[in-house]
Amino acid sequence: MYTSRISDKQLTQKRKLMDVLWGAWARQVILARNSLDIMGIYDEIWKKGRSDFPFEVDLNLILSYQAYPSEFEKTKEITMSMLDIDASELLSYSFDLEVPAMYGESKIRWYEDYELTKVKIKEPGYYELGILINGEQKQNVPLWVIAPKKSTWNPDDASTFEEWAEE
C-alpha cells in the first residue's frame, strides 16, 4: 500500500497557481473595460508556393489568464518562445506581468493581447508558441504555415511524390 506524504491541503495549494487558460491568433483584438472583441481567429497561414518563403509576418495573440487571490498584485515573469518543427527557436520574449488587484475569495480571469512583429517564417510547417509563467510551461499556441505542393503519380512503381508546384 502506498501512502502519500503530501497532504490534501498541500496538493490544493500547489494547484492554485496562475495559469493560461487558452491562447489564439487573431486578425484584430479589441479589449475594453468589460468586453473582449476578437475578429478573425486563425491557426493557419496559407501561401501560394515555395517562392513566398521566407517572409515576415506580424501576429496578434490573445491570452486568457487565471489567478487566485494569493497571487493578486504579484508580479509574474512571462516568457513566450516560438519554435519551428525542428524545435529551433525563432523568437523569445520575457517580461513581467502584474496580476490585477481584485478582492474576494474567488479566482479571476482576464485577457491580454500581444503583437509579435516581424516574425520570420523560413518555410512551410508547424510552429508553436510556448507560454511559460515563472519558468513553468502553461500553454502552447499552434500555428500551421501551409503552401500547397503538387502530387505526381508514378504508374511504373505505383508511387506518388510531392514537389513544389512552381518547380
N, C-alpha and C. Protein backbone atom coordinates (compact mmCIF):
# COMPACT_ATOMS: atom_id res chain seq x y z
N MET A 1 0.84 -1.18 0.00
CA MET A 1 0.00 0.00 0.00
C MET A 1 0.89 1.24 0.00
N TYR A 2 0.52 2.21 -0.84
CA TYR A 2 1.29 3.45 -0.96
C TYR A 2 0.60 4.55 -0.16
N THR A 3 1.38 5.26 0.61
CA THR A 3 0.86 6.39 1.38
C THR A 3 1.56 7.65 0.92
N SER A 4 0.80 8.67 0.57
CA SER A 4 1.38 9.94 0.13
C SER A 4 1.82 10.76 1.33
N ARG A 5 2.95 11.43 1.18
CA ARG A 5 3.43 12.31 2.24
C ARG A 5 2.92 13.74 2.06
N ILE A 6 2.25 13.98 0.96
CA ILE A 6 1.72 15.31 0.69
C ILE A 6 0.26 15.33 1.12
N SER A 7 -0.09 16.28 1.94
CA SER A 7 -1.48 16.36 2.41
C SER A 7 -2.38 16.89 1.30
N ASP A 8 -3.68 16.68 1.47
CA ASP A 8 -4.64 17.21 0.51
C ASP A 8 -4.54 18.73 0.44
N LYS A 9 -4.29 19.39 1.57
CA LYS A 9 -4.18 20.85 1.59
C LYS A 9 -2.99 21.30 0.75
N GLN A 10 -1.85 20.60 0.86
CA GLN A 10 -0.68 20.95 0.07
C GLN A 10 -0.95 20.75 -1.43
N LEU A 11 -1.63 19.67 -1.79
CA LEU A 11 -1.96 19.44 -3.19
C LEU A 11 -2.86 20.55 -3.72
N THR A 12 -3.85 20.95 -2.95
CA THR A 12 -4.75 22.02 -3.36
C THR A 12 -3.98 23.32 -3.54
N GLN A 13 -3.09 23.64 -2.61
CA GLN A 13 -2.30 24.87 -2.72
C GLN A 13 -1.37 24.82 -3.93
N LYS A 14 -0.80 23.67 -4.19
CA LYS A 14 0.12 23.53 -5.30
C LYS A 14 -0.59 23.78 -6.64
N ARG A 15 -1.83 23.33 -6.76
CA ARG A 15 -2.59 23.50 -8.00
C ARG A 15 -3.07 24.94 -8.18
N LYS A 16 -3.13 25.71 -7.15
CA LYS A 16 -3.65 27.08 -7.24
C LYS A 16 -2.54 28.03 -7.65
N LEU A 17 -2.16 27.95 -8.90
CA LEU A 17 -1.15 28.83 -9.46
C LEU A 17 -1.72 29.51 -10.69
N MET A 18 -1.18 30.69 -10.98
CA MET A 18 -1.60 31.41 -12.17
C MET A 18 -1.46 30.50 -13.39
N ASP A 19 -2.42 30.61 -14.31
CA ASP A 19 -2.43 29.73 -15.47
C ASP A 19 -2.82 30.52 -16.71
N VAL A 20 -2.53 29.92 -17.86
CA VAL A 20 -3.01 30.43 -19.14
C VAL A 20 -4.11 29.46 -19.58
N LEU A 21 -5.35 29.94 -19.61
CA LEU A 21 -6.47 29.06 -19.95
C LEU A 21 -6.50 28.73 -21.43
N TRP A 22 -6.25 29.73 -22.27
CA TRP A 22 -6.22 29.49 -23.72
C TRP A 22 -5.51 30.66 -24.41
N GLY A 23 -5.10 30.39 -25.63
CA GLY A 23 -4.48 31.42 -26.45
C GLY A 23 -4.94 31.24 -27.89
N ALA A 24 -4.98 32.34 -28.64
CA ALA A 24 -5.41 32.27 -30.04
C ALA A 24 -4.75 33.38 -30.84
N TRP A 25 -4.51 33.09 -32.12
CA TRP A 25 -4.05 34.09 -33.08
C TRP A 25 -5.30 34.79 -33.61
N ALA A 26 -5.23 36.11 -33.80
CA ALA A 26 -6.40 36.85 -34.27
C ALA A 26 -5.96 37.99 -35.18
N ARG A 27 -6.81 38.32 -36.15
CA ARG A 27 -6.53 39.46 -37.01
C ARG A 27 -6.58 40.75 -36.22
N GLN A 28 -7.57 40.86 -35.32
CA GLN A 28 -7.71 42.07 -34.53
C GLN A 28 -8.31 41.73 -33.17
N VAL A 29 -7.80 42.39 -32.14
CA VAL A 29 -8.30 42.21 -30.79
C VAL A 29 -8.60 43.59 -30.21
N ILE A 30 -9.79 43.73 -29.66
CA ILE A 30 -10.17 44.98 -29.01
C ILE A 30 -10.55 44.66 -27.57
N LEU A 31 -9.76 45.17 -26.65
CA LEU A 31 -10.04 44.98 -25.23
C LEU A 31 -10.61 46.28 -24.67
N ALA A 32 -11.77 46.19 -24.08
CA ALA A 32 -12.38 47.33 -23.40
C ALA A 32 -12.57 46.95 -21.94
N ARG A 33 -13.01 47.86 -21.15
CA ARG A 33 -13.11 47.62 -19.70
C ARG A 33 -13.86 46.33 -19.36
N ASN A 34 -15.01 46.12 -19.96
CA ASN A 34 -15.80 44.93 -19.63
C ASN A 34 -16.12 44.08 -20.84
N SER A 35 -15.34 44.22 -21.92
CA SER A 35 -15.65 43.40 -23.09
C SER A 35 -14.38 43.03 -23.84
N LEU A 36 -14.50 41.98 -24.61
CA LEU A 36 -13.42 41.48 -25.44
C LEU A 36 -14.00 41.20 -26.81
N ASP A 37 -13.47 41.85 -27.84
CA ASP A 37 -13.89 41.60 -29.21
C ASP A 37 -12.70 41.01 -29.96
N ILE A 38 -12.90 39.82 -30.49
CA ILE A 38 -11.86 39.14 -31.26
C ILE A 38 -12.38 38.96 -32.67
N MET A 39 -11.62 39.42 -33.66
CA MET A 39 -12.04 39.28 -35.05
C MET A 39 -11.01 38.44 -35.80
N GLY A 40 -11.47 37.44 -36.48
CA GLY A 40 -10.60 36.65 -37.34
C GLY A 40 -9.66 35.72 -36.62
N ILE A 41 -10.17 34.83 -35.79
CA ILE A 41 -9.31 33.83 -35.14
C ILE A 41 -8.81 32.84 -36.20
N TYR A 42 -7.53 32.52 -36.14
CA TYR A 42 -6.97 31.59 -37.12
C TYR A 42 -5.84 30.76 -36.48
N ASP A 43 -5.51 29.66 -37.11
CA ASP A 43 -4.33 28.87 -36.70
C ASP A 43 -3.53 28.41 -37.92
N GLU A 44 -3.87 28.96 -39.10
CA GLU A 44 -3.16 28.63 -40.34
C GLU A 44 -2.85 29.90 -41.12
N ILE A 45 -1.68 29.90 -41.76
CA ILE A 45 -1.33 30.94 -42.73
C ILE A 45 -1.06 30.22 -44.03
N TRP A 46 -1.77 30.61 -45.08
CA TRP A 46 -1.61 29.97 -46.40
C TRP A 46 -0.77 30.85 -47.30
N LYS A 47 0.15 30.24 -48.03
CA LYS A 47 0.96 30.92 -49.04
C LYS A 47 0.78 30.17 -50.35
N LYS A 48 1.09 30.83 -51.47
CA LYS A 48 0.87 30.22 -52.79
C LYS A 48 1.87 29.13 -53.12
N GLY A 49 3.11 29.29 -52.71
CA GLY A 49 4.11 28.30 -53.07
C GLY A 49 5.46 28.59 -52.45
N ARG A 50 6.45 27.84 -52.85
CA ARG A 50 7.79 27.92 -52.30
C ARG A 50 8.41 29.31 -52.47
N SER A 51 8.09 30.01 -53.53
CA SER A 51 8.69 31.32 -53.79
C SER A 51 8.26 32.37 -52.77
N ASP A 52 7.22 32.10 -51.97
CA ASP A 52 6.75 33.03 -50.95
C ASP A 52 7.60 33.00 -49.68
N PHE A 53 8.56 32.09 -49.61
CA PHE A 53 9.37 31.91 -48.40
C PHE A 53 10.80 32.36 -48.65
N PRO A 54 11.47 32.86 -47.63
CA PRO A 54 10.96 33.23 -46.31
C PRO A 54 10.15 34.52 -46.37
N PHE A 55 9.37 34.77 -45.32
CA PHE A 55 8.60 36.00 -45.23
C PHE A 55 8.49 36.42 -43.77
N GLU A 56 8.15 37.69 -43.56
CA GLU A 56 7.93 38.20 -42.21
C GLU A 56 6.45 38.50 -42.04
N VAL A 57 5.96 38.26 -40.83
CA VAL A 57 4.55 38.46 -40.55
C VAL A 57 4.39 39.07 -39.15
N ASP A 58 3.39 39.92 -39.01
CA ASP A 58 3.01 40.43 -37.69
C ASP A 58 1.86 39.57 -37.19
N LEU A 59 1.99 39.06 -35.98
CA LEU A 59 0.99 38.18 -35.40
C LEU A 59 0.37 38.83 -34.17
N ASN A 60 -0.96 38.76 -34.08
CA ASN A 60 -1.68 39.24 -32.90
C ASN A 60 -2.09 38.03 -32.08
N LEU A 61 -1.79 38.08 -30.80
CA LEU A 61 -2.06 36.97 -29.90
C LEU A 61 -2.95 37.46 -28.77
N ILE A 62 -3.95 36.66 -28.43
CA ILE A 62 -4.79 36.94 -27.27
C ILE A 62 -4.62 35.78 -26.30
N LEU A 63 -4.38 36.08 -25.03
CA LEU A 63 -4.24 35.06 -24.00
C LEU A 63 -5.26 35.30 -22.90
N SER A 64 -5.82 34.22 -22.38
CA SER A 64 -6.72 34.27 -21.24
C SER A 64 -5.98 33.74 -20.03
N TYR A 65 -5.79 34.60 -19.03
CA TYR A 65 -5.09 34.23 -17.80
C TYR A 65 -6.09 33.96 -16.68
N GLN A 66 -5.62 33.19 -15.70
CA GLN A 66 -6.41 32.93 -14.50
C GLN A 66 -5.46 32.98 -13.31
N ALA A 67 -5.90 33.60 -12.21
CA ALA A 67 -5.07 33.66 -11.00
C ALA A 67 -5.97 33.56 -9.77
N TYR A 68 -5.35 33.23 -8.66
CA TYR A 68 -6.04 33.04 -7.39
C TYR A 68 -5.77 34.22 -6.47
N PRO A 69 -6.59 34.43 -5.44
CA PRO A 69 -6.43 35.57 -4.53
C PRO A 69 -5.02 35.71 -3.95
N SER A 70 -4.35 34.63 -3.68
CA SER A 70 -3.00 34.70 -3.11
C SER A 70 -2.00 35.33 -4.08
N GLU A 71 -2.37 35.43 -5.36
CA GLU A 71 -1.46 35.98 -6.37
C GLU A 71 -1.81 37.42 -6.78
N PHE A 72 -2.91 37.96 -6.28
CA PHE A 72 -3.32 39.30 -6.66
C PHE A 72 -2.21 40.30 -6.33
N GLU A 73 -1.97 41.21 -7.28
CA GLU A 73 -0.97 42.28 -7.18
C GLU A 73 0.47 41.76 -7.10
N LYS A 74 0.69 40.53 -7.47
CA LYS A 74 2.05 39.99 -7.52
C LYS A 74 2.54 39.99 -8.96
N THR A 75 3.84 40.08 -9.12
CA THR A 75 4.45 40.12 -10.45
C THR A 75 4.90 38.72 -10.86
N LYS A 76 4.58 38.35 -12.08
CA LYS A 76 4.98 37.06 -12.64
C LYS A 76 5.83 37.31 -13.87
N GLU A 77 6.81 36.44 -14.09
CA GLU A 77 7.63 36.53 -15.30
C GLU A 77 6.97 35.68 -16.39
N ILE A 78 6.64 36.31 -17.50
CA ILE A 78 6.04 35.63 -18.64
C ILE A 78 7.11 35.47 -19.71
N THR A 79 7.21 34.28 -20.27
CA THR A 79 8.13 34.02 -21.38
C THR A 79 7.33 33.42 -22.52
N MET A 80 7.55 33.97 -23.71
CA MET A 80 6.93 33.44 -24.93
C MET A 80 8.06 33.04 -25.87
N SER A 81 8.05 31.79 -26.30
CA SER A 81 9.06 31.29 -27.23
C SER A 81 8.40 30.60 -28.39
N MET A 82 8.73 31.02 -29.61
CA MET A 82 8.19 30.38 -30.80
C MET A 82 9.22 29.41 -31.36
N LEU A 83 8.76 28.17 -31.58
CA LEU A 83 9.62 27.12 -32.11
C LEU A 83 9.08 26.65 -33.45
N ASP A 84 10.00 26.20 -34.32
CA ASP A 84 9.56 25.59 -35.57
C ASP A 84 9.49 24.08 -35.38
N ILE A 85 9.24 23.36 -36.45
CA ILE A 85 9.04 21.91 -36.36
C ILE A 85 10.29 21.16 -35.87
N ASP A 86 11.47 21.77 -36.06
CA ASP A 86 12.72 21.17 -35.59
C ASP A 86 13.09 21.63 -34.19
N ALA A 87 12.18 22.33 -33.52
CA ALA A 87 12.39 22.88 -32.18
C ALA A 87 13.47 23.95 -32.15
N SER A 88 13.71 24.59 -33.29
CA SER A 88 14.61 25.75 -33.34
C SER A 88 13.82 26.98 -32.90
N GLU A 89 14.41 27.76 -32.03
CA GLU A 89 13.73 28.94 -31.50
C GLU A 89 13.79 30.09 -32.49
N LEU A 90 12.62 30.58 -32.90
CA LEU A 90 12.53 31.70 -33.83
C LEU A 90 12.53 33.03 -33.10
N LEU A 91 11.91 33.06 -31.94
CA LEU A 91 11.86 34.28 -31.14
C LEU A 91 11.61 33.92 -29.70
N SER A 92 11.99 34.83 -28.83
CA SER A 92 11.74 34.64 -27.41
C SER A 92 11.59 36.01 -26.76
N TYR A 93 10.51 36.18 -26.01
CA TYR A 93 10.25 37.41 -25.26
C TYR A 93 10.05 37.04 -23.80
N SER A 94 10.60 37.84 -22.92
CA SER A 94 10.32 37.70 -21.49
C SER A 94 9.95 39.07 -20.94
N PHE A 95 8.98 39.11 -20.07
CA PHE A 95 8.55 40.37 -19.47
C PHE A 95 7.82 40.07 -18.17
N ASP A 96 7.66 41.09 -17.36
CA ASP A 96 6.93 40.96 -16.10
C ASP A 96 5.49 41.38 -16.30
N LEU A 97 4.59 40.64 -15.67
CA LEU A 97 3.16 40.93 -15.73
C LEU A 97 2.63 40.93 -14.31
N GLU A 98 1.96 42.01 -13.94
CA GLU A 98 1.38 42.07 -12.60
C GLU A 98 -0.05 41.54 -12.64
N VAL A 99 -0.34 40.64 -11.72
CA VAL A 99 -1.69 40.09 -11.61
C VAL A 99 -2.60 41.22 -11.12
N PRO A 100 -3.74 41.44 -11.78
CA PRO A 100 -4.63 42.54 -11.38
C PRO A 100 -5.07 42.44 -9.92
N ALA A 101 -5.36 43.58 -9.35
CA ALA A 101 -5.83 43.64 -7.96
C ALA A 101 -7.34 43.43 -7.94
N MET A 102 -7.74 42.38 -7.27
CA MET A 102 -9.17 42.08 -7.10
C MET A 102 -9.36 41.71 -5.63
N TYR A 103 -10.57 41.82 -5.17
CA TYR A 103 -10.83 41.49 -3.78
C TYR A 103 -11.89 40.41 -3.72
N GLY A 104 -11.72 39.52 -2.78
CA GLY A 104 -12.67 38.44 -2.63
C GLY A 104 -11.94 37.11 -2.52
N GLU A 105 -12.70 36.08 -2.48
CA GLU A 105 -12.16 34.74 -2.26
C GLU A 105 -12.05 33.92 -3.54
N SER A 106 -12.51 34.45 -4.66
CA SER A 106 -12.53 33.62 -5.87
C SER A 106 -11.41 33.99 -6.83
N LYS A 107 -11.12 33.08 -7.71
CA LYS A 107 -10.10 33.32 -8.73
C LYS A 107 -10.63 34.31 -9.77
N ILE A 108 -9.70 34.90 -10.51
CA ILE A 108 -10.10 35.84 -11.54
C ILE A 108 -9.57 35.38 -12.89
N ARG A 109 -10.24 35.85 -13.94
CA ARG A 109 -9.78 35.65 -15.31
C ARG A 109 -9.69 37.00 -15.97
N TRP A 110 -8.67 37.16 -16.83
CA TRP A 110 -8.57 38.38 -17.61
C TRP A 110 -7.81 38.08 -18.89
N TYR A 111 -7.85 39.03 -19.81
CA TYR A 111 -7.26 38.85 -21.13
C TYR A 111 -6.16 39.87 -21.36
N GLU A 112 -5.15 39.44 -22.09
CA GLU A 112 -4.07 40.33 -22.52
C GLU A 112 -3.84 40.05 -24.00
N ASP A 113 -3.59 41.11 -24.77
CA ASP A 113 -3.26 40.90 -26.17
C ASP A 113 -1.83 41.37 -26.43
N TYR A 114 -1.19 40.71 -27.38
CA TYR A 114 0.21 40.97 -27.70
C TYR A 114 0.37 41.02 -29.21
N GLU A 115 1.25 41.90 -29.67
CA GLU A 115 1.58 41.94 -31.08
C GLU A 115 3.03 41.48 -31.23
N LEU A 116 3.22 40.40 -31.96
CA LEU A 116 4.55 39.90 -32.25
C LEU A 116 4.90 40.39 -33.65
N THR A 117 5.84 41.30 -33.75
CA THR A 117 6.13 41.94 -35.03
C THR A 117 7.32 41.29 -35.73
N LYS A 118 7.22 41.28 -37.05
CA LYS A 118 8.28 40.81 -37.94
C LYS A 118 8.80 39.42 -37.56
N VAL A 119 7.87 38.50 -37.36
CA VAL A 119 8.23 37.10 -37.11
C VAL A 119 8.65 36.51 -38.44
N LYS A 120 9.87 35.99 -38.51
CA LYS A 120 10.38 35.45 -39.78
C LYS A 120 10.02 33.97 -39.90
N ILE A 121 9.28 33.66 -40.94
CA ILE A 121 8.88 32.29 -41.25
C ILE A 121 9.74 31.82 -42.41
N LYS A 122 10.58 30.81 -42.17
CA LYS A 122 11.53 30.37 -43.19
C LYS A 122 10.93 29.42 -44.21
N GLU A 123 10.01 28.56 -43.73
CA GLU A 123 9.45 27.54 -44.62
C GLU A 123 8.10 27.08 -44.11
N PRO A 124 7.34 26.39 -44.96
CA PRO A 124 6.06 25.86 -44.51
C PRO A 124 6.29 24.83 -43.40
N GLY A 125 5.30 24.70 -42.53
CA GLY A 125 5.40 23.70 -41.48
C GLY A 125 4.63 24.11 -40.24
N TYR A 126 4.90 23.39 -39.18
CA TYR A 126 4.22 23.57 -37.90
C TYR A 126 5.09 24.46 -37.01
N TYR A 127 4.47 25.48 -36.44
CA TYR A 127 5.13 26.37 -35.49
C TYR A 127 4.31 26.38 -34.22
N GLU A 128 4.98 26.69 -33.10
CA GLU A 128 4.29 26.65 -31.83
C GLU A 128 4.84 27.73 -30.91
N LEU A 129 3.95 28.49 -30.32
CA LEU A 129 4.36 29.50 -29.34
C LEU A 129 4.11 28.92 -27.96
N GLY A 130 5.16 28.74 -27.20
CA GLY A 130 5.04 28.24 -25.83
C GLY A 130 4.96 29.40 -24.86
N ILE A 131 4.04 29.30 -23.89
CA ILE A 131 3.86 30.33 -22.88
C ILE A 131 4.28 29.75 -21.53
N LEU A 132 5.22 30.41 -20.87
CA LEU A 132 5.69 29.99 -19.56
C LEU A 132 5.40 31.09 -18.54
N ILE A 133 5.05 30.69 -17.33
CA ILE A 133 4.89 31.62 -16.22
C ILE A 133 5.88 31.20 -15.15
N ASN A 134 6.77 32.11 -14.80
CA ASN A 134 7.84 31.83 -13.84
C ASN A 134 8.58 30.54 -14.18
N GLY A 135 8.83 30.34 -15.48
CA GLY A 135 9.60 29.19 -15.94
C GLY A 135 8.82 27.90 -16.10
N GLU A 136 7.54 27.89 -15.76
CA GLU A 136 6.71 26.69 -15.87
C GLU A 136 5.83 26.77 -17.12
N GLN A 137 5.92 25.73 -17.96
CA GLN A 137 5.13 25.66 -19.19
C GLN A 137 3.65 25.65 -18.86
N LYS A 138 2.90 26.57 -19.49
CA LYS A 138 1.47 26.67 -19.21
C LYS A 138 0.58 26.41 -20.41
N GLN A 139 1.02 26.83 -21.61
CA GLN A 139 0.15 26.71 -22.78
C GLN A 139 0.99 26.74 -24.05
N ASN A 140 0.52 26.07 -25.09
CA ASN A 140 1.10 26.14 -26.43
C ASN A 140 0.03 26.64 -27.38
N VAL A 141 0.43 27.56 -28.26
CA VAL A 141 -0.50 28.08 -29.26
C VAL A 141 0.07 27.67 -30.63
N PRO A 142 -0.60 26.74 -31.32
CA PRO A 142 -0.07 26.24 -32.60
C PRO A 142 -0.33 27.19 -33.76
N LEU A 143 0.55 27.10 -34.76
CA LEU A 143 0.39 27.87 -36.00
C LEU A 143 0.93 27.01 -37.14
N TRP A 144 0.08 26.72 -38.10
CA TRP A 144 0.49 25.97 -39.28
C TRP A 144 0.69 26.94 -40.42
N VAL A 145 1.84 26.84 -41.09
CA VAL A 145 2.11 27.65 -42.27
C VAL A 145 2.09 26.68 -43.44
N ILE A 146 1.18 26.93 -44.38
CA ILE A 146 0.89 25.96 -45.43
C ILE A 146 1.15 26.55 -46.81
N ALA A 147 1.82 25.77 -47.64
CA ALA A 147 1.99 26.09 -49.06
C ALA A 147 1.73 24.80 -49.82
N PRO A 148 0.80 24.83 -50.77
CA PRO A 148 0.43 23.60 -51.47
C PRO A 148 1.57 23.04 -52.31
N LYS A 149 1.60 21.72 -52.37
CA LYS A 149 2.55 21.02 -53.24
C LYS A 149 1.77 20.23 -54.27
N LYS A 150 2.43 19.93 -55.36
CA LYS A 150 1.81 19.14 -56.42
C LYS A 150 2.19 17.67 -56.19
N SER A 151 1.19 16.80 -56.18
CA SER A 151 1.44 15.36 -56.07
C SER A 151 1.43 14.74 -57.46
N THR A 152 2.42 13.92 -57.73
CA THR A 152 2.52 13.26 -59.03
C THR A 152 2.51 11.75 -58.83
N TRP A 153 1.69 11.09 -59.64
CA TRP A 153 1.57 9.63 -59.60
C TRP A 153 2.55 9.02 -60.58
N ASN A 154 3.32 8.05 -60.12
CA ASN A 154 4.25 7.33 -60.98
C ASN A 154 3.67 5.93 -61.19
N PRO A 155 3.08 5.64 -62.36
CA PRO A 155 2.44 4.34 -62.59
C PRO A 155 3.44 3.18 -62.69
N ASP A 156 4.71 3.49 -62.99
CA ASP A 156 5.70 2.42 -63.12
C ASP A 156 5.91 1.66 -61.82
N ASP A 157 5.97 2.40 -60.70
CA ASP A 157 6.17 1.71 -59.42
C ASP A 157 5.02 1.96 -58.44
N ALA A 158 3.91 2.47 -58.95
CA ALA A 158 2.69 2.71 -58.15
C ALA A 158 2.99 3.57 -56.92
N SER A 159 3.70 4.68 -57.13
CA SER A 159 4.04 5.57 -56.03
C SER A 159 3.68 7.01 -56.38
N THR A 160 3.68 7.84 -55.37
CA THR A 160 3.47 9.26 -55.58
C THR A 160 4.64 10.03 -54.98
N PHE A 161 4.89 11.20 -55.51
CA PHE A 161 5.89 12.08 -54.90
C PHE A 161 5.37 13.51 -54.96
N GLU A 162 5.86 14.31 -54.04
CA GLU A 162 5.43 15.70 -53.98
C GLU A 162 6.55 16.62 -54.42
N GLU A 163 6.16 17.70 -55.06
CA GLU A 163 7.12 18.73 -55.43
C GLU A 163 6.41 20.07 -55.39
N TRP A 164 7.19 21.14 -55.29
CA TRP A 164 6.59 22.46 -55.28
C TRP A 164 5.96 22.72 -56.65
N ALA A 165 4.79 23.29 -56.62
CA ALA A 165 4.00 23.50 -57.82
C ALA A 165 4.76 24.31 -58.87
N GLU A 166 5.56 25.31 -58.48
CA GLU A 166 6.23 26.14 -59.47
C GLU A 166 7.59 25.61 -59.90
N GLU A 167 8.01 24.48 -59.33
CA GLU A 167 9.33 23.94 -59.71
C GLU A 167 9.22 23.03 -60.91
